[in-house]
N, C-alpha and C. Protein backbone atom coordinates (compact mmCIF):
# COMPACT_ATOMS: atom_id res chain seq x y z
N MET A 1 0.85 -1.21 0.00
CA MET A 1 -0.01 0.00 0.01
C MET A 1 0.89 1.26 0.00
N ASP A 2 0.68 2.13 -1.02
CA ASP A 2 1.50 3.35 -1.07
C ASP A 2 0.76 4.52 -0.42
N ILE A 3 1.45 5.66 -0.34
CA ILE A 3 0.86 6.80 0.38
C ILE A 3 -0.37 7.35 -0.32
N LYS A 4 -0.42 7.26 -1.65
CA LYS A 4 -1.61 7.73 -2.37
C LYS A 4 -2.83 6.87 -2.06
N SER A 5 -2.62 5.59 -1.88
CA SER A 5 -3.70 4.70 -1.51
C SER A 5 -4.24 5.04 -0.12
N ILE A 6 -3.31 5.32 0.80
CA ILE A 6 -3.73 5.73 2.14
C ILE A 6 -4.49 7.04 2.07
N MET A 7 -3.99 7.99 1.28
CA MET A 7 -4.63 9.28 1.16
C MET A 7 -6.07 9.15 0.62
N ARG A 8 -6.27 8.27 -0.37
CA ARG A 8 -7.60 8.12 -0.95
C ARG A 8 -8.58 7.56 0.09
N ARG A 9 -8.06 6.73 1.00
CA ARG A 9 -8.94 6.11 1.99
C ARG A 9 -9.40 7.09 3.07
N ILE A 10 -8.57 8.10 3.32
CA ILE A 10 -8.96 9.05 4.40
C ILE A 10 -9.56 10.33 3.83
N GLU A 11 -9.44 10.54 2.54
CA GLU A 11 -9.88 11.79 1.92
C GLU A 11 -11.38 12.02 2.11
N ASN A 12 -11.73 13.22 2.54
CA ASN A 12 -13.12 13.61 2.66
C ASN A 12 -13.94 12.68 3.60
N ASP A 13 -13.28 12.19 4.62
CA ASP A 13 -13.97 11.34 5.59
C ASP A 13 -14.84 12.22 6.48
N GLY A 14 -16.14 12.15 6.25
CA GLY A 14 -17.06 12.99 7.03
C GLY A 14 -17.71 12.26 8.18
N SER A 15 -17.23 11.07 8.49
CA SER A 15 -17.85 10.28 9.55
C SER A 15 -17.53 10.87 10.91
N ILE A 16 -18.37 10.53 11.89
CA ILE A 16 -18.14 10.92 13.28
C ILE A 16 -17.66 9.69 14.02
N ILE A 17 -16.46 9.72 14.54
CA ILE A 17 -15.88 8.54 15.20
C ILE A 17 -16.75 8.17 16.43
N GLY A 18 -17.13 6.90 16.47
CA GLY A 18 -17.97 6.40 17.55
C GLY A 18 -19.44 6.36 17.24
N GLU A 19 -19.84 6.96 16.12
CA GLU A 19 -21.29 7.01 15.79
C GLU A 19 -21.87 5.64 15.53
N ASP A 20 -21.07 4.74 14.98
CA ASP A 20 -21.61 3.42 14.64
C ASP A 20 -21.96 2.57 15.86
N THR A 21 -21.31 2.83 17.00
CA THR A 21 -21.58 2.05 18.20
C THR A 21 -22.40 2.79 19.24
N ALA A 22 -22.63 4.08 19.04
CA ALA A 22 -23.35 4.89 20.03
C ALA A 22 -24.84 4.59 20.03
N LYS A 23 -25.46 4.83 21.18
CA LYS A 23 -26.92 4.79 21.22
C LYS A 23 -27.45 6.00 20.45
N LYS A 24 -28.58 5.85 19.80
CA LYS A 24 -29.08 6.91 18.94
C LYS A 24 -30.53 7.27 19.31
N SER A 25 -30.74 8.58 19.43
CA SER A 25 -32.09 9.10 19.68
C SER A 25 -32.38 10.21 18.69
N ALA A 26 -33.66 10.45 18.44
CA ALA A 26 -34.08 11.53 17.59
C ALA A 26 -35.07 12.40 18.32
N VAL A 27 -35.00 13.70 18.11
CA VAL A 27 -36.01 14.62 18.66
C VAL A 27 -36.61 15.43 17.53
N PHE A 28 -37.78 15.93 17.79
CA PHE A 28 -38.52 16.72 16.82
C PHE A 28 -38.78 18.11 17.38
N LEU A 29 -38.32 19.13 16.67
CA LEU A 29 -38.60 20.51 17.06
C LEU A 29 -39.84 20.96 16.32
N PRO A 30 -41.00 20.98 17.00
CA PRO A 30 -42.27 21.25 16.33
C PRO A 30 -42.57 22.75 16.22
N LEU A 31 -42.76 23.21 15.01
CA LEU A 31 -43.22 24.58 14.78
C LEU A 31 -44.72 24.56 14.58
N ILE A 32 -45.38 25.50 15.18
CA ILE A 32 -46.84 25.60 15.04
C ILE A 32 -47.22 27.03 14.83
N LEU A 33 -48.13 27.32 13.91
CA LEU A 33 -48.53 28.68 13.60
C LEU A 33 -49.70 29.09 14.47
N LYS A 34 -49.46 30.08 15.34
CA LYS A 34 -50.50 30.57 16.25
C LYS A 34 -50.64 32.06 16.05
N ASP A 35 -51.84 32.49 15.71
CA ASP A 35 -52.10 33.94 15.52
C ASP A 35 -51.11 34.57 14.54
N ASN A 36 -50.86 33.86 13.45
CA ASN A 36 -49.94 34.34 12.39
C ASN A 36 -48.50 34.48 12.87
N THR A 37 -48.16 33.82 13.94
CA THR A 37 -46.78 33.84 14.47
C THR A 37 -46.32 32.41 14.69
N TRP A 38 -45.09 32.12 14.23
CA TRP A 38 -44.56 30.79 14.46
C TRP A 38 -44.11 30.65 15.91
N SER A 39 -44.52 29.53 16.50
CA SER A 39 -44.11 29.21 17.86
C SER A 39 -43.51 27.82 17.90
N ILE A 40 -42.71 27.57 18.93
CA ILE A 40 -42.11 26.22 19.14
C ILE A 40 -42.88 25.54 20.26
N LEU A 41 -43.27 24.31 19.99
CA LEU A 41 -44.03 23.51 20.96
C LEU A 41 -43.05 22.64 21.74
N LEU A 42 -43.19 22.71 23.07
CA LEU A 42 -42.41 21.85 23.96
C LEU A 42 -43.29 21.08 24.92
N GLU A 43 -42.70 20.03 25.48
CA GLU A 43 -43.41 19.24 26.47
C GLU A 43 -42.78 19.43 27.85
N VAL A 44 -43.56 19.13 28.88
CA VAL A 44 -43.03 18.98 30.24
C VAL A 44 -43.15 17.49 30.57
N ARG A 45 -42.03 16.86 30.87
CA ARG A 45 -42.07 15.42 31.13
C ARG A 45 -42.85 15.12 32.41
N ALA A 46 -43.54 13.99 32.40
CA ALA A 46 -44.38 13.59 33.53
C ALA A 46 -43.56 13.47 34.80
N ALA A 47 -44.14 13.84 35.93
CA ALA A 47 -43.43 13.89 37.21
C ALA A 47 -43.04 12.52 37.72
N HIS A 48 -43.74 11.45 37.30
CA HIS A 48 -43.44 10.13 37.82
C HIS A 48 -42.33 9.38 37.04
N LEU A 49 -41.84 9.98 35.98
CA LEU A 49 -40.79 9.33 35.19
C LEU A 49 -39.48 9.26 35.99
N LYS A 50 -38.71 8.21 35.77
CA LYS A 50 -37.44 8.02 36.47
C LYS A 50 -36.38 8.97 35.93
N ARG A 51 -36.39 9.19 34.62
CA ARG A 51 -35.40 10.04 33.98
C ARG A 51 -35.95 11.43 33.69
N GLN A 52 -35.33 12.44 34.21
CA GLN A 52 -35.64 13.82 33.93
C GLN A 52 -37.12 14.19 34.15
N PRO A 53 -37.67 13.80 35.27
CA PRO A 53 -39.07 14.16 35.54
C PRO A 53 -39.24 15.69 35.63
N GLY A 54 -40.29 16.22 35.02
CA GLY A 54 -40.59 17.63 35.09
C GLY A 54 -39.76 18.52 34.18
N ASP A 55 -38.81 17.94 33.45
CA ASP A 55 -38.00 18.75 32.54
C ASP A 55 -38.79 19.14 31.29
N SER A 56 -38.47 20.32 30.77
CA SER A 56 -39.04 20.74 29.48
C SER A 56 -38.19 20.14 28.37
N CYS A 57 -38.84 19.62 27.34
CA CYS A 57 -38.09 18.94 26.28
C CYS A 57 -38.88 18.96 24.97
N PHE A 58 -38.21 18.49 23.91
CA PHE A 58 -38.88 18.23 22.66
C PHE A 58 -39.36 16.78 22.65
N PRO A 59 -40.39 16.50 21.87
CA PRO A 59 -40.76 15.09 21.70
C PRO A 59 -39.61 14.31 21.05
N GLY A 60 -39.47 13.07 21.44
CA GLY A 60 -38.40 12.27 20.85
C GLY A 60 -38.04 11.10 21.72
N GLY A 61 -37.09 10.29 21.26
CA GLY A 61 -36.69 9.11 21.99
C GLY A 61 -35.76 8.23 21.20
N ARG A 62 -35.52 7.04 21.74
CA ARG A 62 -34.57 6.10 21.17
C ARG A 62 -35.08 5.52 19.85
N SER A 63 -34.13 5.25 18.99
CA SER A 63 -34.43 4.57 17.74
C SER A 63 -34.79 3.13 18.04
N GLU A 64 -35.80 2.62 17.32
CA GLU A 64 -36.24 1.22 17.49
C GLU A 64 -36.13 0.49 16.15
N LYS A 65 -36.16 -0.84 16.22
CA LYS A 65 -36.00 -1.66 15.01
C LYS A 65 -37.06 -1.38 13.97
N ILE A 66 -38.24 -0.94 14.40
CA ILE A 66 -39.32 -0.68 13.44
C ILE A 66 -39.10 0.58 12.64
N ASP A 67 -38.14 1.42 13.08
CA ASP A 67 -37.89 2.69 12.41
C ASP A 67 -36.91 2.48 11.24
N GLY A 68 -37.29 2.98 10.09
CA GLY A 68 -36.44 2.85 8.94
C GLY A 68 -35.34 3.90 8.89
N SER A 69 -35.46 4.95 9.70
CA SER A 69 -34.50 6.06 9.73
C SER A 69 -34.68 6.84 11.02
N MET A 70 -33.73 7.72 11.31
CA MET A 70 -33.88 8.57 12.49
C MET A 70 -35.04 9.55 12.31
N ARG A 71 -35.32 9.93 11.09
CA ARG A 71 -36.48 10.79 10.82
C ARG A 71 -37.77 10.05 11.22
N GLU A 72 -37.86 8.79 10.90
CA GLU A 72 -39.05 8.02 11.29
C GLU A 72 -39.16 7.90 12.82
N THR A 73 -38.00 7.80 13.48
CA THR A 73 -37.97 7.77 14.94
C THR A 73 -38.57 9.03 15.49
N ALA A 74 -38.14 10.18 14.98
CA ALA A 74 -38.62 11.48 15.46
C ALA A 74 -40.13 11.62 15.27
N VAL A 75 -40.63 11.20 14.10
CA VAL A 75 -42.07 11.33 13.82
C VAL A 75 -42.85 10.35 14.69
N ARG A 76 -42.42 9.12 14.80
CA ARG A 76 -43.14 8.11 15.61
C ARG A 76 -43.24 8.58 17.06
N GLU A 77 -42.11 9.01 17.62
CA GLU A 77 -42.12 9.44 19.03
C GLU A 77 -43.02 10.67 19.23
N THR A 78 -43.03 11.57 18.27
CA THR A 78 -43.86 12.76 18.37
C THR A 78 -45.33 12.38 18.36
N CYS A 79 -45.71 11.47 17.48
CA CYS A 79 -47.10 11.01 17.40
C CYS A 79 -47.52 10.34 18.72
N GLU A 80 -46.61 9.49 19.26
CA GLU A 80 -46.93 8.77 20.47
C GLU A 80 -47.05 9.70 21.68
N GLU A 81 -46.18 10.68 21.76
CA GLU A 81 -46.17 11.55 22.94
C GLU A 81 -47.23 12.62 22.88
N LEU A 82 -47.49 13.19 21.71
CA LEU A 82 -48.48 14.27 21.59
C LEU A 82 -49.84 13.78 21.23
N GLY A 83 -49.96 12.51 20.86
CA GLY A 83 -51.25 11.96 20.49
C GLY A 83 -51.83 12.56 19.21
N ILE A 84 -50.96 12.72 18.22
CA ILE A 84 -51.39 13.30 16.96
C ILE A 84 -51.15 12.33 15.80
N ARG A 85 -51.76 12.60 14.67
CA ARG A 85 -51.61 11.75 13.50
C ARG A 85 -50.31 12.06 12.77
N LYS A 86 -49.76 11.07 12.15
CA LYS A 86 -48.55 11.24 11.34
C LYS A 86 -48.79 12.26 10.24
N GLU A 87 -50.02 12.28 9.72
CA GLU A 87 -50.35 13.20 8.61
C GLU A 87 -50.33 14.64 9.03
N ALA A 88 -50.36 14.90 10.35
CA ALA A 88 -50.36 16.28 10.84
C ALA A 88 -48.96 16.87 10.96
N ILE A 89 -47.95 16.05 10.63
CA ILE A 89 -46.56 16.46 10.79
C ILE A 89 -45.92 16.60 9.41
N ASN A 90 -45.26 17.71 9.19
CA ASN A 90 -44.48 17.94 7.97
C ASN A 90 -43.04 18.24 8.34
N VAL A 91 -42.15 17.25 8.18
CA VAL A 91 -40.74 17.43 8.49
C VAL A 91 -40.11 18.29 7.40
N ILE A 92 -39.49 19.38 7.78
CA ILE A 92 -38.91 20.30 6.78
C ILE A 92 -37.39 20.24 6.73
N GLY A 93 -36.75 19.56 7.70
CA GLY A 93 -35.29 19.47 7.63
C GLY A 93 -34.69 18.83 8.86
N GLN A 94 -33.38 18.63 8.79
CA GLN A 94 -32.61 18.05 9.89
C GLN A 94 -31.47 18.98 10.24
N MET A 95 -31.26 19.20 11.52
CA MET A 95 -30.12 20.00 11.97
C MET A 95 -28.93 19.08 12.20
N GLY A 96 -27.83 19.69 12.65
CA GLY A 96 -26.61 18.94 12.90
C GLY A 96 -26.79 17.97 14.05
N THR A 97 -25.97 16.91 14.05
CA THR A 97 -25.99 15.91 15.10
C THR A 97 -25.54 16.48 16.42
N CYS A 98 -26.27 16.18 17.48
CA CYS A 98 -25.89 16.61 18.83
C CYS A 98 -25.23 15.43 19.53
N ILE A 99 -23.93 15.62 19.88
CA ILE A 99 -23.22 14.56 20.58
C ILE A 99 -23.40 14.80 22.08
N ALA A 100 -24.37 14.10 22.64
CA ALA A 100 -24.69 14.30 24.07
C ALA A 100 -23.57 13.80 24.95
N THR A 101 -23.11 12.58 24.67
CA THR A 101 -21.94 11.99 25.30
C THR A 101 -21.26 11.15 24.21
N SER A 102 -20.13 10.55 24.56
CA SER A 102 -19.41 9.77 23.56
C SER A 102 -20.18 8.54 23.11
N ASP A 103 -21.22 8.13 23.90
CA ASP A 103 -21.99 6.96 23.48
C ASP A 103 -23.47 7.28 23.33
N LEU A 104 -23.83 8.56 23.15
CA LEU A 104 -25.22 8.92 22.88
C LEU A 104 -25.26 10.09 21.89
N PHE A 105 -25.78 9.80 20.71
CA PHE A 105 -25.93 10.80 19.67
C PHE A 105 -27.39 11.13 19.49
N ILE A 106 -27.72 12.42 19.35
CA ILE A 106 -29.11 12.85 19.17
C ILE A 106 -29.24 13.55 17.80
N TYR A 107 -30.27 13.17 17.08
CA TYR A 107 -30.50 13.69 15.73
C TYR A 107 -31.75 14.58 15.76
N PRO A 108 -31.58 15.89 15.68
CA PRO A 108 -32.75 16.81 15.76
C PRO A 108 -33.35 17.08 14.37
N PHE A 109 -34.66 16.96 14.29
CA PHE A 109 -35.41 17.29 13.08
C PHE A 109 -36.36 18.44 13.38
N VAL A 110 -36.66 19.20 12.36
CA VAL A 110 -37.52 20.38 12.49
C VAL A 110 -38.68 20.20 11.55
N GLY A 111 -39.87 20.60 11.99
CA GLY A 111 -41.02 20.48 11.11
C GLY A 111 -42.21 21.25 11.63
N VAL A 112 -43.29 21.15 10.89
CA VAL A 112 -44.51 21.90 11.22
C VAL A 112 -45.59 20.91 11.69
N VAL A 113 -46.28 21.27 12.76
CA VAL A 113 -47.43 20.54 13.22
C VAL A 113 -48.68 21.33 12.86
N ASP A 114 -49.62 20.70 12.19
CA ASP A 114 -50.86 21.35 11.79
C ASP A 114 -51.56 21.95 13.03
N ALA A 115 -51.76 23.26 13.01
CA ALA A 115 -52.36 23.93 14.17
C ALA A 115 -53.78 23.47 14.44
N SER A 116 -54.45 22.91 13.44
CA SER A 116 -55.81 22.45 13.64
C SER A 116 -55.88 21.06 14.26
N GLU A 117 -54.74 20.40 14.36
CA GLU A 117 -54.70 19.05 14.92
C GLU A 117 -54.80 19.11 16.44
N PRO A 118 -55.81 18.45 17.04
CA PRO A 118 -55.93 18.45 18.52
C PRO A 118 -54.81 17.66 19.14
N LEU A 119 -54.22 18.19 20.22
CA LEU A 119 -53.18 17.48 20.94
C LEU A 119 -53.80 16.63 22.04
N ASN A 120 -53.36 15.38 22.12
CA ASN A 120 -53.82 14.48 23.18
C ASN A 120 -52.59 13.85 23.83
N PRO A 121 -51.87 14.64 24.60
CA PRO A 121 -50.59 14.15 25.17
C PRO A 121 -50.76 12.87 25.97
N ASN A 122 -49.79 12.00 25.81
CA ASN A 122 -49.75 10.73 26.53
C ASN A 122 -49.37 11.01 27.98
N SER A 123 -50.30 10.81 28.91
CA SER A 123 -50.07 11.17 30.31
C SER A 123 -48.99 10.30 30.97
N GLU A 124 -48.65 9.17 30.37
CA GLU A 124 -47.57 8.34 30.90
C GLU A 124 -46.23 9.01 30.72
N GLU A 125 -46.13 9.92 29.73
CA GLU A 125 -44.86 10.56 29.45
C GLU A 125 -44.88 12.06 29.55
N VAL A 126 -46.06 12.65 29.30
CA VAL A 126 -46.15 14.11 29.17
C VAL A 126 -47.11 14.69 30.20
N GLN A 127 -46.61 15.64 30.98
CA GLN A 127 -47.44 16.30 31.99
C GLN A 127 -48.27 17.43 31.36
N GLU A 128 -47.63 18.20 30.47
CA GLU A 128 -48.30 19.29 29.79
C GLU A 128 -47.47 19.72 28.60
N THR A 129 -48.07 20.58 27.75
CA THR A 129 -47.32 21.16 26.64
C THR A 129 -47.43 22.70 26.73
N PHE A 130 -46.47 23.38 26.10
CA PHE A 130 -46.55 24.82 26.03
C PHE A 130 -45.82 25.27 24.78
N THR A 131 -46.03 26.52 24.40
CA THR A 131 -45.38 27.05 23.21
C THR A 131 -44.58 28.32 23.57
N ILE A 132 -43.53 28.56 22.78
CA ILE A 132 -42.72 29.77 22.91
C ILE A 132 -42.69 30.44 21.55
N PRO A 133 -43.08 31.72 21.45
CA PRO A 133 -43.05 32.43 20.16
C PRO A 133 -41.62 32.52 19.63
N LEU A 134 -41.46 32.18 18.36
CA LEU A 134 -40.13 32.23 17.74
C LEU A 134 -39.56 33.65 17.73
N PRO A 135 -40.36 34.69 17.42
CA PRO A 135 -39.77 36.04 17.45
C PRO A 135 -39.18 36.41 18.83
N TRP A 136 -39.82 35.97 19.88
CA TRP A 136 -39.32 36.24 21.22
C TRP A 136 -37.99 35.50 21.43
N LEU A 137 -37.95 34.22 21.04
CA LEU A 137 -36.75 33.42 21.21
C LEU A 137 -35.55 34.01 20.47
N MET A 138 -35.81 34.54 19.29
CA MET A 138 -34.72 35.04 18.44
C MET A 138 -34.04 36.29 19.05
N LYS A 139 -34.67 36.87 20.07
CA LYS A 139 -34.10 38.04 20.72
C LYS A 139 -33.39 37.69 22.03
N GLN A 140 -33.46 36.41 22.44
CA GLN A 140 -32.94 36.02 23.73
C GLN A 140 -31.49 35.55 23.66
N ILE A 141 -30.75 35.87 24.70
CA ILE A 141 -29.43 35.32 24.91
C ILE A 141 -29.50 34.46 26.16
N PRO A 142 -29.36 33.14 26.00
CA PRO A 142 -29.55 32.28 27.17
C PRO A 142 -28.48 32.49 28.22
N GLU A 143 -28.85 32.30 29.47
CA GLU A 143 -27.86 32.28 30.55
C GLU A 143 -26.95 31.08 30.35
N LYS A 144 -25.70 31.19 30.81
CA LYS A 144 -24.75 30.06 30.72
C LYS A 144 -24.20 29.73 32.08
N HIS A 145 -24.28 28.45 32.43
CA HIS A 145 -23.79 28.00 33.74
C HIS A 145 -22.93 26.75 33.53
N ALA A 146 -21.81 26.66 34.23
CA ALA A 146 -20.85 25.59 34.06
C ALA A 146 -21.05 24.49 35.10
N LEU A 147 -20.85 23.25 34.65
CA LEU A 147 -20.86 22.08 35.52
C LEU A 147 -19.53 21.37 35.33
N THR A 148 -18.93 20.91 36.43
CA THR A 148 -17.65 20.19 36.36
C THR A 148 -17.81 18.75 36.84
N PHE A 149 -17.24 17.82 36.07
CA PHE A 149 -17.28 16.39 36.41
C PHE A 149 -15.84 15.91 36.58
N SER A 150 -15.60 15.10 37.61
CA SER A 150 -14.25 14.61 37.87
C SER A 150 -14.23 13.09 37.73
N VAL A 151 -13.01 12.54 37.60
CA VAL A 151 -12.82 11.08 37.43
C VAL A 151 -13.07 10.38 38.76
N ASP A 152 -13.82 9.27 38.68
CA ASP A 152 -14.02 8.41 39.84
C ASP A 152 -12.85 7.46 39.93
N ARG A 153 -11.92 7.74 40.83
CA ARG A 153 -10.70 6.92 40.92
C ARG A 153 -10.95 5.56 41.58
N ASN A 154 -12.16 5.32 42.03
CA ASN A 154 -12.52 4.00 42.58
C ASN A 154 -13.26 3.16 41.56
N ALA A 155 -13.40 3.69 40.37
CA ALA A 155 -14.14 2.97 39.32
C ALA A 155 -13.39 1.71 38.86
N ASP A 156 -14.14 0.80 38.27
CA ASP A 156 -13.53 -0.43 37.70
C ASP A 156 -12.87 -0.10 36.37
N PHE A 157 -11.66 0.46 36.48
CA PHE A 157 -10.91 0.92 35.33
C PHE A 157 -9.45 0.48 35.49
N PRO A 158 -8.80 0.03 34.42
CA PRO A 158 -7.42 -0.50 34.56
C PRO A 158 -6.38 0.62 34.74
N PHE A 159 -6.47 1.31 35.88
CA PHE A 159 -5.52 2.38 36.16
C PHE A 159 -4.08 1.87 36.13
N GLU A 160 -3.88 0.60 36.50
CA GLU A 160 -2.52 0.06 36.60
C GLU A 160 -1.86 -0.05 35.24
N ARG A 161 -2.60 0.11 34.17
CA ARG A 161 -2.04 -0.03 32.84
C ARG A 161 -1.62 1.31 32.22
N ILE A 162 -1.84 2.38 32.96
CA ILE A 162 -1.42 3.70 32.45
C ILE A 162 -0.37 4.31 33.35
N VAL A 163 0.45 5.16 32.77
CA VAL A 163 1.51 5.81 33.55
C VAL A 163 0.92 6.61 34.71
N SER A 164 1.48 6.44 35.89
CA SER A 164 1.04 7.14 37.13
C SER A 164 -0.24 6.56 37.74
N GLY A 165 -0.86 5.61 37.03
CA GLY A 165 -2.03 4.95 37.60
C GLY A 165 -3.12 5.91 38.05
N LYS A 166 -3.61 5.74 39.29
CA LYS A 166 -4.68 6.59 39.80
C LYS A 166 -4.20 8.03 40.02
N ASN A 167 -2.90 8.24 40.00
CA ASN A 167 -2.35 9.58 40.16
C ASN A 167 -2.18 10.31 38.83
N TYR A 168 -2.63 9.66 37.76
CA TYR A 168 -2.53 10.29 36.44
C TYR A 168 -3.27 11.64 36.47
N ALA A 169 -2.73 12.63 35.79
CA ALA A 169 -3.33 13.98 35.82
C ALA A 169 -4.51 14.07 34.86
N PHE A 170 -5.60 13.39 35.24
CA PHE A 170 -6.81 13.48 34.45
C PHE A 170 -7.36 14.90 34.46
N ARG A 171 -7.88 15.35 33.33
CA ARG A 171 -8.51 16.65 33.27
C ARG A 171 -9.97 16.52 33.64
N ASN A 172 -10.46 17.36 34.53
CA ASN A 172 -11.87 17.36 34.84
C ASN A 172 -12.65 17.87 33.62
N LEU A 173 -13.80 17.27 33.43
CA LEU A 173 -14.66 17.65 32.31
C LEU A 173 -15.58 18.78 32.75
N GLN A 174 -15.58 19.87 32.01
CA GLN A 174 -16.48 20.98 32.31
C GLN A 174 -17.38 21.22 31.12
N ILE A 175 -18.67 21.27 31.37
CA ILE A 175 -19.64 21.58 30.31
C ILE A 175 -20.39 22.85 30.70
N THR A 176 -20.75 23.61 29.69
CA THR A 176 -21.50 24.84 29.87
C THR A 176 -22.94 24.61 29.41
N GLU A 177 -23.88 24.79 30.33
CA GLU A 177 -25.27 24.55 30.03
C GLU A 177 -26.02 25.86 29.81
N PRO A 178 -26.73 26.01 28.67
CA PRO A 178 -27.57 27.18 28.47
C PRO A 178 -28.91 27.03 29.21
N PHE A 179 -29.45 28.14 29.64
CA PHE A 179 -30.77 28.18 30.32
C PHE A 179 -31.63 29.24 29.66
N TYR A 180 -32.86 28.85 29.32
CA TYR A 180 -33.90 29.79 28.91
C TYR A 180 -35.01 29.78 29.94
N GLU A 181 -35.59 30.96 30.21
CA GLU A 181 -36.75 31.07 31.08
C GLU A 181 -37.89 31.71 30.32
N TYR A 182 -39.06 31.08 30.36
CA TYR A 182 -40.21 31.66 29.65
C TYR A 182 -41.47 31.36 30.44
N LYS A 183 -42.06 32.41 31.01
CA LYS A 183 -43.33 32.31 31.72
C LYS A 183 -43.33 31.17 32.74
N GLY A 184 -42.29 31.14 33.55
CA GLY A 184 -42.21 30.13 34.62
C GLY A 184 -41.67 28.79 34.21
N LYS A 185 -41.36 28.61 32.91
CA LYS A 185 -40.83 27.35 32.44
C LYS A 185 -39.32 27.52 32.21
N THR A 186 -38.57 26.53 32.67
CA THR A 186 -37.12 26.52 32.48
C THR A 186 -36.76 25.49 31.40
N ILE A 187 -35.98 25.92 30.43
CA ILE A 187 -35.47 25.03 29.40
C ILE A 187 -33.97 24.99 29.54
N TRP A 188 -33.40 23.81 29.76
CA TRP A 188 -31.96 23.70 29.98
C TRP A 188 -31.49 22.39 29.39
N GLY A 189 -30.18 22.09 29.56
CA GLY A 189 -29.63 20.82 29.14
C GLY A 189 -29.59 20.67 27.64
N LEU A 190 -29.74 19.42 27.19
CA LEU A 190 -29.67 19.13 25.74
C LEU A 190 -30.74 19.87 24.96
N THR A 191 -31.93 19.96 25.58
CA THR A 191 -33.02 20.68 24.89
C THR A 191 -32.63 22.13 24.63
N ALA A 192 -32.05 22.76 25.62
CA ALA A 192 -31.63 24.17 25.46
C ALA A 192 -30.48 24.28 24.47
N ARG A 193 -29.60 23.31 24.45
CA ARG A 193 -28.49 23.34 23.48
C ARG A 193 -29.00 23.24 22.04
N ILE A 194 -29.95 22.34 21.83
CA ILE A 194 -30.53 22.19 20.50
C ILE A 194 -31.33 23.44 20.12
N LEU A 195 -32.08 23.95 21.10
CA LEU A 195 -32.85 25.17 20.86
C LEU A 195 -31.97 26.34 20.55
N GLU A 196 -30.84 26.49 21.27
CA GLU A 196 -29.90 27.57 21.03
C GLU A 196 -29.32 27.48 19.62
N HIS A 197 -29.03 26.26 19.17
CA HIS A 197 -28.49 26.08 17.83
C HIS A 197 -29.53 26.44 16.78
N PHE A 198 -30.76 26.06 17.01
CA PHE A 198 -31.84 26.42 16.08
C PHE A 198 -31.98 27.92 15.97
N VAL A 199 -31.98 28.60 17.11
CA VAL A 199 -32.11 30.06 17.12
C VAL A 199 -30.91 30.69 16.41
N PHE A 200 -29.72 30.13 16.60
CA PHE A 200 -28.53 30.63 15.89
C PHE A 200 -28.75 30.53 14.38
N LEU A 201 -29.25 29.41 13.92
CA LEU A 201 -29.49 29.26 12.48
C LEU A 201 -30.52 30.25 12.00
N MET A 202 -31.55 30.51 12.80
CA MET A 202 -32.59 31.46 12.39
C MET A 202 -32.03 32.87 12.29
N ASN A 203 -31.12 33.20 13.17
CA ASN A 203 -30.58 34.57 13.22
C ASN A 203 -29.42 34.80 12.25
N HIS A 204 -28.73 33.74 11.88
CA HIS A 204 -27.50 33.94 11.12
C HIS A 204 -27.49 33.36 9.70
N ARG A 205 -28.54 32.61 9.36
CA ARG A 205 -28.65 32.10 8.01
C ARG A 205 -29.79 32.80 7.30
N MET A 206 -29.50 33.94 6.75
CA MET A 206 -30.54 34.75 6.13
C MET A 206 -30.54 34.55 4.62
N PHE A 207 -31.48 33.73 4.12
CA PHE A 207 -31.56 33.46 2.69
C PHE A 207 -32.73 34.18 2.02
N ASP A 208 -33.68 34.67 2.81
CA ASP A 208 -34.87 35.29 2.22
C ASP A 208 -34.55 36.72 1.80
């Protein structure tokens, strides 16, 4: 194998390392037209859920074998959680992949929900729904707050196989979380990150 052969194999590699083995989820950012203004529909997760009870989020969830694509995952989960028909959803595009952790990738889709379609949220998953006007969102700068995570040196990890072992100078992981507040509702975490990216695209990609 010569260097040109190696070059051809790596050229224009657009893959994301680890994507093939990561868990995959899709979310749907629903746009709904209310009083001639576009708004974003969000859910509040049911209080009895084990994971993220009471958090504001987009409809979505894990990919399943019945889904032919991540887009189908987003639509299926939205129908199940909001209690709406598939025909009431018009997917208009996909945003960039959100790498939540090294083993969890989230694929955000954007689309329109027919405003005439009655919502029947699944009470097993959804406590309530609310909307945020897009013009309001486009003027907001989210608060930013940092969280720091450190290495668990008592974890089942082969420290003995690395130089300095448990005394290795591991770097603490720090993430910055955006926060939005709207009429008593807090949007933070991955939902806020995806929302912030959507707002960035709305404000900075002017094609009209």
